[in-house]
Amino acid sequence: MELLERCTRSEAAQGHLSKELESKTELIKNLYAKHKMERLVNKEKISFTRFEVHELAAFVRNSAGHYEAINRNCRNYYLSEESIALFVDNLPNGRQYIIGQIVHIERNVARQTPNSSSSRSRYNPYGLPIGTEFFVVTVAMVPDTIQSPHA
């Protein structure tokens, strides 16, 4: 009799634990889905106040012809030549902006250029005052922001 009672209690405990496990598994699935959605939403926001790797940034062509980041309190962020070359074939005619995911940021300081005009692009490519800090940003294409020029 005692063995039968213990067996019945064990089966009841197992049933309770199985239900609890199912409940916890469902909770974990829901939390993971929520986390995944939050990451996706955060990934799709364009950064205007702080530029970091993996963030999205928007660049517009300025009066000097350089692509400069649209920003608030983050001056002198320019799109790298490699990124511009990557996007050129994919920009619809007349579009003056590029949106990309930041993959690298290179910090520079504008320096006096030697007499050779070919070195200007290396020392002070944006014609900034000597000593001014500037950043060259390399971005990757974000599929939803690219439209084929033939579309």
N, C-alpha and C. Protein backbone atom coordinates (compact mmCIF):
# COMPACT_ATOMS: atom_id res chain seq x y z
N MET A 1 0.81 -1.19 0.00
CA MET A 1 0.00 0.00 0.00
C MET A 1 0.86 1.27 0.00
N GLU A 2 1.88 1.25 0.84
CA GLU A 2 2.76 2.42 0.93
C GLU A 2 3.48 2.68 -0.40
N LEU A 3 3.88 1.61 -1.04
CA LEU A 3 4.56 1.74 -2.33
C LEU A 3 3.62 2.33 -3.38
N LEU A 4 2.37 1.91 -3.37
CA LEU A 4 1.38 2.44 -4.30
C LEU A 4 1.15 3.92 -4.04
N GLU A 5 1.10 4.31 -2.78
CA GLU A 5 0.90 5.71 -2.41
C GLU A 5 2.08 6.57 -2.88
N ARG A 6 3.28 6.07 -2.67
CA ARG A 6 4.48 6.81 -3.09
C ARG A 6 4.52 6.94 -4.61
N CYS A 7 4.11 5.90 -5.29
CA CYS A 7 4.08 5.92 -6.76
C CYS A 7 3.06 6.95 -7.25
N THR A 8 1.91 7.01 -6.63
CA THR A 8 0.87 7.98 -6.99
C THR A 8 1.36 9.40 -6.76
N ARG A 9 2.01 9.64 -5.62
CA ARG A 9 2.54 10.98 -5.33
C ARG A 9 3.63 11.35 -6.34
N SER A 10 4.45 10.40 -6.70
CA SER A 10 5.52 10.66 -7.68
C SER A 10 4.94 11.01 -9.05
N GLU A 11 3.89 10.29 -9.45
CA GLU A 11 3.24 10.59 -10.72
C GLU A 11 2.61 11.99 -10.70
N ALA A 12 2.00 12.35 -9.58
CA ALA A 12 1.39 13.68 -9.45
C ALA A 12 2.47 14.75 -9.50
N ALA A 13 3.59 14.51 -8.82
CA ALA A 13 4.70 15.47 -8.82
C ALA A 13 5.28 15.60 -10.23
N GLN A 14 5.40 14.47 -10.92
CA GLN A 14 5.92 14.50 -12.28
C GLN A 14 4.99 15.30 -13.19
N GLY A 15 3.70 15.11 -13.05
CA GLY A 15 2.73 15.86 -13.85
C GLY A 15 2.84 17.35 -13.58
N HIS A 16 2.98 17.71 -12.30
CA HIS A 16 3.12 19.12 -11.92
C HIS A 16 4.41 19.71 -12.51
N LEU A 17 5.50 18.95 -12.38
CA LEU A 17 6.79 19.43 -12.91
C LEU A 17 6.75 19.54 -14.44
N SER A 18 6.08 18.62 -15.10
CA SER A 18 5.97 18.68 -16.57
C SER A 18 5.22 19.94 -17.00
N LYS A 19 4.12 20.24 -16.29
CA LYS A 19 3.36 21.46 -16.60
C LYS A 19 4.20 22.70 -16.34
N GLU A 20 4.94 22.70 -15.23
CA GLU A 20 5.80 23.84 -14.91
C GLU A 20 6.89 24.01 -15.97
N LEU A 21 7.46 22.89 -16.42
CA LEU A 21 8.48 22.94 -17.46
C LEU A 21 7.90 23.50 -18.76
N GLU A 22 6.72 23.07 -19.14
CA GLU A 22 6.06 23.61 -20.34
C GLU A 22 5.84 25.11 -20.21
N SER A 23 5.39 25.52 -19.03
CA SER A 23 5.14 26.95 -18.77
C SER A 23 6.43 27.76 -18.90
N LYS A 24 7.51 27.26 -18.30
CA LYS A 24 8.80 27.96 -18.34
C LYS A 24 9.35 27.98 -19.77
N THR A 25 9.17 26.89 -20.49
CA THR A 25 9.63 26.83 -21.88
C THR A 25 8.89 27.87 -22.72
N GLU A 26 7.59 27.99 -22.52
CA GLU A 26 6.80 28.99 -23.24
C GLU A 26 7.25 30.40 -22.88
N LEU A 27 7.52 30.63 -21.60
CA LEU A 27 8.00 31.94 -21.14
C LEU A 27 9.33 32.29 -21.80
N ILE A 28 10.24 31.33 -21.86
CA ILE A 28 11.54 31.56 -22.48
C ILE A 28 11.37 31.87 -23.97
N LYS A 29 10.49 31.14 -24.65
CA LYS A 29 10.24 31.41 -26.07
C LYS A 29 9.71 32.83 -26.27
N ASN A 30 8.78 33.24 -25.41
CA ASN A 30 8.21 34.59 -25.52
C ASN A 30 9.26 35.66 -25.24
N LEU A 31 10.07 35.46 -24.20
CA LEU A 31 11.11 36.43 -23.87
C LEU A 31 12.14 36.52 -24.99
N TYR A 32 12.50 35.38 -25.58
CA TYR A 32 13.46 35.39 -26.68
C TYR A 32 12.89 36.13 -27.90
N ALA A 33 11.63 35.87 -28.20
CA ALA A 33 10.98 36.56 -29.33
C ALA A 33 10.94 38.06 -29.08
N LYS A 34 10.64 38.46 -27.85
CA LYS A 34 10.60 39.89 -27.50
C LYS A 34 11.99 40.50 -27.64
N HIS A 35 13.01 39.81 -27.14
CA HIS A 35 14.39 40.29 -27.24
C HIS A 35 14.81 40.44 -28.71
N LYS A 36 14.46 39.44 -29.51
CA LYS A 36 14.80 39.47 -30.94
C LYS A 36 14.13 40.67 -31.62
N MET A 37 12.87 40.92 -31.29
CA MET A 37 12.14 42.05 -31.87
C MET A 37 12.76 43.38 -31.43
N GLU A 38 13.13 43.50 -30.15
CA GLU A 38 13.76 44.73 -29.67
C GLU A 38 15.08 44.98 -30.38
N ARG A 39 15.86 43.93 -30.59
CA ARG A 39 17.12 44.09 -31.31
C ARG A 39 16.87 44.57 -32.73
N LEU A 40 15.87 44.01 -33.38
CA LEU A 40 15.53 44.42 -34.75
C LEU A 40 15.09 45.87 -34.79
N VAL A 41 14.25 46.28 -33.87
CA VAL A 41 13.78 47.66 -33.82
C VAL A 41 14.95 48.60 -33.57
N ASN A 42 15.81 48.27 -32.62
CA ASN A 42 16.96 49.13 -32.33
C ASN A 42 17.92 49.20 -33.51
N LYS A 43 18.05 48.10 -34.23
CA LYS A 43 18.96 48.07 -35.37
C LYS A 43 18.47 48.98 -36.49
N GLU A 44 17.16 49.17 -36.58
CA GLU A 44 16.61 49.94 -37.68
C GLU A 44 16.53 51.43 -37.39
N LYS A 45 16.95 51.87 -36.21
CA LYS A 45 16.92 53.30 -35.89
C LYS A 45 18.18 53.96 -36.44
N ILE A 46 18.00 55.11 -37.06
CA ILE A 46 19.15 55.86 -37.56
C ILE A 46 19.67 56.73 -36.43
N SER A 47 20.97 56.65 -36.19
CA SER A 47 21.59 57.42 -35.11
C SER A 47 21.89 58.84 -35.58
N PHE A 48 21.53 59.81 -34.75
CA PHE A 48 21.82 61.21 -35.06
C PHE A 48 22.67 61.87 -33.98
N THR A 49 22.81 61.24 -32.84
CA THR A 49 23.52 61.88 -31.73
C THR A 49 24.79 61.15 -31.33
N ARG A 50 24.94 59.91 -31.70
CA ARG A 50 26.11 59.14 -31.30
C ARG A 50 26.37 58.12 -32.39
N PHE A 51 27.58 58.10 -32.90
CA PHE A 51 27.92 57.17 -33.97
C PHE A 51 28.82 56.08 -33.42
N GLU A 52 28.37 54.84 -33.55
CA GLU A 52 29.13 53.68 -33.10
C GLU A 52 28.98 52.57 -34.12
N VAL A 53 29.92 51.63 -34.10
CA VAL A 53 29.86 50.48 -34.98
C VAL A 53 28.54 49.75 -34.75
N HIS A 54 27.92 49.30 -35.81
CA HIS A 54 26.63 48.59 -35.87
C HIS A 54 25.42 49.52 -35.90
N GLU A 55 25.60 50.81 -35.63
CA GLU A 55 24.49 51.76 -35.70
C GLU A 55 24.23 52.13 -37.16
N LEU A 56 23.02 52.61 -37.44
CA LEU A 56 22.72 53.14 -38.77
C LEU A 56 23.01 54.63 -38.78
N ALA A 57 23.53 55.11 -39.89
CA ALA A 57 23.81 56.54 -40.04
C ALA A 57 23.37 56.99 -41.43
N ALA A 58 22.96 58.24 -41.51
CA ALA A 58 22.55 58.84 -42.79
C ALA A 58 23.56 59.92 -43.16
N PHE A 59 23.96 59.94 -44.41
CA PHE A 59 24.93 60.91 -44.91
C PHE A 59 24.31 61.67 -46.07
N VAL A 60 24.55 62.98 -46.10
CA VAL A 60 24.09 63.81 -47.22
C VAL A 60 25.28 64.50 -47.84
N ARG A 61 25.15 64.79 -49.12
CA ARG A 61 26.23 65.48 -49.83
C ARG A 61 26.19 66.95 -49.42
N ASN A 62 27.33 67.47 -48.92
CA ASN A 62 27.38 68.88 -48.51
C ASN A 62 27.79 69.75 -49.70
N SER A 63 27.90 71.05 -49.48
CA SER A 63 28.18 71.99 -50.57
C SER A 63 29.54 71.74 -51.22
N ALA A 64 30.46 71.11 -50.48
CA ALA A 64 31.78 70.80 -51.04
C ALA A 64 31.78 69.47 -51.79
N GLY A 65 30.65 68.76 -51.78
CA GLY A 65 30.56 67.49 -52.49
C GLY A 65 30.89 66.27 -51.67
N HIS A 66 31.17 66.44 -50.38
CA HIS A 66 31.49 65.32 -49.50
C HIS A 66 30.21 64.83 -48.82
N TYR A 67 30.14 63.53 -48.56
CA TYR A 67 29.00 62.99 -47.81
C TYR A 67 29.30 63.13 -46.32
N GLU A 68 28.50 63.95 -45.65
CA GLU A 68 28.68 64.22 -44.23
C GLU A 68 27.48 63.67 -43.46
N ALA A 69 27.75 63.12 -42.27
CA ALA A 69 26.68 62.51 -41.47
C ALA A 69 25.68 63.56 -41.02
N ILE A 70 24.39 63.20 -41.09
CA ILE A 70 23.34 64.04 -40.51
C ILE A 70 23.43 63.78 -39.01
N ASN A 71 23.62 64.84 -38.24
CA ASN A 71 23.87 64.61 -36.82
C ASN A 71 23.43 65.79 -35.96
N ARG A 72 23.47 65.53 -34.68
CA ARG A 72 23.22 66.57 -33.69
C ARG A 72 24.37 66.46 -32.69
N ASN A 73 25.20 67.47 -32.64
CA ASN A 73 26.34 67.54 -31.72
C ASN A 73 27.43 66.52 -32.01
N CYS A 74 27.53 66.02 -33.21
CA CYS A 74 28.61 65.10 -33.62
C CYS A 74 29.15 65.60 -34.95
N ARG A 75 29.96 66.62 -34.89
CA ARG A 75 30.45 67.23 -36.13
C ARG A 75 31.59 66.44 -36.75
N ASN A 76 31.75 66.68 -38.05
CA ASN A 76 32.89 66.18 -38.82
C ASN A 76 32.96 64.66 -38.95
N TYR A 77 31.83 64.04 -39.22
CA TYR A 77 31.79 62.62 -39.56
C TYR A 77 31.51 62.54 -41.06
N TYR A 78 32.47 61.96 -41.80
CA TYR A 78 32.38 61.89 -43.26
C TYR A 78 32.36 60.44 -43.73
N LEU A 79 31.68 60.20 -44.82
CA LEU A 79 31.60 58.86 -45.39
C LEU A 79 32.89 58.54 -46.13
N SER A 80 33.41 57.33 -45.91
CA SER A 80 34.67 56.92 -46.55
C SER A 80 34.51 56.79 -48.06
N GLU A 81 35.61 56.96 -48.76
CA GLU A 81 35.61 56.82 -50.23
C GLU A 81 35.17 55.42 -50.64
N GLU A 82 35.58 54.40 -49.87
CA GLU A 82 35.19 53.03 -50.19
C GLU A 82 33.68 52.86 -50.11
N SER A 83 33.08 53.47 -49.10
CA SER A 83 31.62 53.37 -48.94
C SER A 83 30.91 54.09 -50.07
N ILE A 84 31.42 55.26 -50.43
CA ILE A 84 30.81 56.01 -51.54
C ILE A 84 30.86 55.17 -52.81
N ALA A 85 32.01 54.57 -53.09
CA ALA A 85 32.16 53.74 -54.29
C ALA A 85 31.18 52.56 -54.25
N LEU A 86 30.98 51.98 -53.08
CA LEU A 86 30.06 50.86 -52.94
C LEU A 86 28.62 51.26 -53.26
N PHE A 87 28.24 52.46 -52.85
CA PHE A 87 26.86 52.90 -53.00
C PHE A 87 26.56 53.54 -54.36
N VAL A 88 27.57 54.08 -55.04
CA VAL A 88 27.36 54.86 -56.27
C VAL A 88 26.47 54.14 -57.28
N ASP A 89 26.73 52.87 -57.52
CA ASP A 89 25.95 52.14 -58.52
C ASP A 89 24.52 51.86 -58.07
N ASN A 90 24.25 52.00 -56.78
CA ASN A 90 22.93 51.67 -56.25
C ASN A 90 22.08 52.89 -55.91
N LEU A 91 22.63 54.08 -56.12
CA LEU A 91 21.86 55.29 -55.80
C LEU A 91 20.99 55.69 -56.99
N PRO A 92 19.71 55.87 -56.76
CA PRO A 92 18.87 56.38 -57.85
C PRO A 92 19.35 57.77 -58.25
N ASN A 93 19.17 58.11 -59.50
CA ASN A 93 19.59 59.44 -59.98
C ASN A 93 18.95 60.53 -59.14
N GLY A 94 19.76 61.49 -58.74
CA GLY A 94 19.25 62.63 -57.99
C GLY A 94 19.21 62.43 -56.49
N ARG A 95 19.38 61.20 -56.02
CA ARG A 95 19.34 60.98 -54.57
C ARG A 95 20.64 61.48 -53.96
N GLN A 96 20.52 62.33 -52.96
CA GLN A 96 21.69 62.98 -52.37
C GLN A 96 22.05 62.44 -51.00
N TYR A 97 21.49 61.31 -50.60
CA TYR A 97 21.81 60.78 -49.28
C TYR A 97 22.12 59.29 -49.36
N ILE A 98 22.83 58.82 -48.33
CA ILE A 98 23.20 57.41 -48.21
C ILE A 98 22.89 57.00 -46.78
N ILE A 99 22.25 55.85 -46.61
CA ILE A 99 22.02 55.29 -45.28
C ILE A 99 22.75 53.96 -45.24
N GLY A 100 23.55 53.76 -44.20
CA GLY A 100 24.30 52.52 -44.08
C GLY A 100 24.55 52.16 -42.63
N GLN A 101 24.95 50.91 -42.44
CA GLN A 101 25.28 50.43 -41.09
C GLN A 101 26.78 50.62 -40.89
N ILE A 102 27.14 51.31 -39.82
CA ILE A 102 28.54 51.62 -39.54
C ILE A 102 29.30 50.34 -39.24
N VAL A 103 30.42 50.14 -39.96
CA VAL A 103 31.28 48.99 -39.71
C VAL A 103 32.66 49.41 -39.19
N HIS A 104 33.01 50.68 -39.41
CA HIS A 104 34.33 51.16 -38.94
C HIS A 104 34.30 52.68 -38.85
N ILE A 105 34.95 53.21 -37.82
CA ILE A 105 35.11 54.66 -37.67
C ILE A 105 36.59 54.94 -37.43
N GLU A 106 37.16 55.76 -38.29
CA GLU A 106 38.58 56.11 -38.16
C GLU A 106 38.71 57.56 -37.72
N ARG A 107 39.36 57.77 -36.59
CA ARG A 107 39.57 59.12 -36.05
C ARG A 107 40.80 59.73 -36.69
N ASN A 108 40.71 61.00 -37.09
CA ASN A 108 41.82 61.72 -37.72
C ASN A 108 41.87 63.14 -37.17
N VAL A 109 42.98 63.80 -37.41
CA VAL A 109 43.13 65.21 -37.08
C VAL A 109 43.65 65.90 -38.33
N ALA A 110 42.99 66.99 -38.73
CA ALA A 110 43.41 67.73 -39.92
C ALA A 110 44.81 68.28 -39.68
N ARG A 111 45.71 68.00 -40.63
CA ARG A 111 47.10 68.43 -40.49
C ARG A 111 47.51 69.29 -41.68
N GLN A 112 48.57 70.04 -41.46
CA GLN A 112 49.15 70.85 -42.54
C GLN A 112 49.62 69.90 -43.63
N THR A 113 49.28 70.22 -44.86
CA THR A 113 49.67 69.36 -45.97
C THR A 113 51.02 69.79 -46.51
N PRO A 114 51.83 68.81 -46.90
CA PRO A 114 53.07 69.17 -47.59
C PRO A 114 52.71 69.89 -48.89
N ASN A 115 53.68 70.41 -49.57
CA ASN A 115 53.43 71.22 -50.78
C ASN A 115 52.70 70.46 -51.88
N SER A 116 52.81 69.17 -51.90
CA SER A 116 52.17 68.37 -52.96
C SER A 116 50.65 68.40 -52.81
N SER A 117 49.96 68.73 -53.89
CA SER A 117 48.49 68.80 -53.84
C SER A 117 47.87 67.41 -53.74
N SER A 118 48.60 66.38 -54.17
CA SER A 118 48.04 65.02 -54.11
C SER A 118 47.93 64.51 -52.68
N SER A 119 48.69 65.09 -51.77
CA SER A 119 48.65 64.61 -50.38
C SER A 119 47.55 65.28 -49.57
N ARG A 120 46.89 66.29 -50.13
CA ARG A 120 45.84 66.97 -49.37
C ARG A 120 44.78 65.99 -48.89
N SER A 121 44.41 65.07 -49.78
CA SER A 121 43.34 64.13 -49.42
C SER A 121 43.72 63.26 -48.23
N ARG A 122 45.00 63.03 -48.03
CA ARG A 122 45.41 62.19 -46.91
C ARG A 122 45.48 62.96 -45.61
N TYR A 123 45.92 64.20 -45.64
CA TYR A 123 46.13 64.98 -44.42
C TYR A 123 44.93 65.82 -44.01
N ASN A 124 44.20 66.34 -44.98
CA ASN A 124 43.07 67.22 -44.68
C ASN A 124 42.08 67.18 -45.85
N PRO A 125 41.44 66.02 -46.04
CA PRO A 125 40.61 65.85 -47.24
C PRO A 125 39.37 66.73 -47.29
N TYR A 126 38.96 67.28 -46.16
CA TYR A 126 37.71 68.05 -46.13
C TYR A 126 37.94 69.54 -45.95
N GLY A 127 39.20 69.98 -46.04
CA GLY A 127 39.52 71.40 -45.94
C GLY A 127 39.18 72.00 -44.58
N LEU A 128 39.36 71.23 -43.53
CA LEU A 128 39.04 71.70 -42.17
C LEU A 128 40.20 72.51 -41.60
N PRO A 129 39.94 73.34 -40.59
CA PRO A 129 41.03 74.06 -39.94
C PRO A 129 42.05 73.06 -39.35
N ILE A 130 43.33 73.40 -39.43
CA ILE A 130 44.39 72.54 -38.91
C ILE A 130 44.11 72.26 -37.43
N GLY A 131 44.25 70.99 -37.04
CA GLY A 131 44.02 70.58 -35.66
C GLY A 131 42.60 70.11 -35.38
N THR A 132 41.70 70.25 -36.36
CA THR A 132 40.31 69.83 -36.18
C THR A 132 40.21 68.31 -36.25
N GLU A 133 39.51 67.74 -35.28
CA GLU A 133 39.28 66.30 -35.26
C GLU A 133 38.15 65.97 -36.25
N PHE A 134 38.36 64.92 -37.06
CA PHE A 134 37.30 64.47 -37.95
C PHE A 134 37.34 62.95 -38.02
N PHE A 135 36.24 62.38 -38.48
CA PHE A 135 36.09 60.94 -38.50
C PHE A 135 35.68 60.48 -39.89
N VAL A 136 36.31 59.41 -40.35
CA VAL A 136 35.96 58.81 -41.63
C VAL A 136 35.22 57.51 -41.31
N VAL A 137 33.98 57.44 -41.77
CA VAL A 137 33.09 56.33 -41.41
C VAL A 137 32.89 55.41 -42.61
N THR A 138 33.10 54.13 -42.38
CA THR A 138 32.85 53.11 -43.39
C THR A 138 31.53 52.43 -43.04
N VAL A 139 30.64 52.33 -44.03
CA VAL A 139 29.33 51.72 -43.78
C VAL A 139 29.07 50.58 -44.76
N ALA A 140 28.19 49.69 -44.34
CA ALA A 140 27.71 48.60 -45.20
C ALA A 140 26.30 48.93 -45.66
N MET A 141 25.93 48.36 -46.78
CA MET A 141 24.58 48.59 -47.30
C MET A 141 23.55 47.93 -46.39
N VAL A 142 22.42 48.59 -46.26
CA VAL A 142 21.28 48.05 -45.53
C VAL A 142 20.22 47.77 -46.60
N PRO A 143 19.88 46.50 -46.83
CA PRO A 143 19.02 46.15 -47.97
C PRO A 143 17.75 46.98 -48.11
N ASP A 144 17.06 47.29 -47.02
CA ASP A 144 15.80 48.03 -47.13
C ASP A 144 15.97 49.47 -47.56
N THR A 145 17.21 50.01 -47.50
CA THR A 145 17.41 51.42 -47.84
C THR A 145 17.96 51.59 -49.25
N ILE A 146 18.25 50.51 -49.93
CA ILE A 146 18.81 50.57 -51.28
C ILE A 146 17.70 50.34 -52.29
N GLN A 147 17.69 51.18 -53.29
CA GLN A 147 16.75 50.98 -54.39
C GLN A 147 17.56 50.98 -55.67
N SER A 148 17.30 50.02 -56.48
CA SER A 148 18.03 49.91 -57.74
C SER A 148 17.77 51.13 -58.61
N PRO A 149 18.82 51.67 -59.27
CA PRO A 149 18.62 52.81 -60.15
C PRO A 149 17.73 52.45 -61.34
N HIS A 150 17.54 51.16 -61.58
CA HIS A 150 16.72 50.74 -62.71
C HIS A 150 15.28 50.48 -62.31
N ALA A 151 14.95 50.69 -61.02
CA ALA A 151 13.59 50.40 -60.54
C ALA A 151 12.61 51.46 -60.99
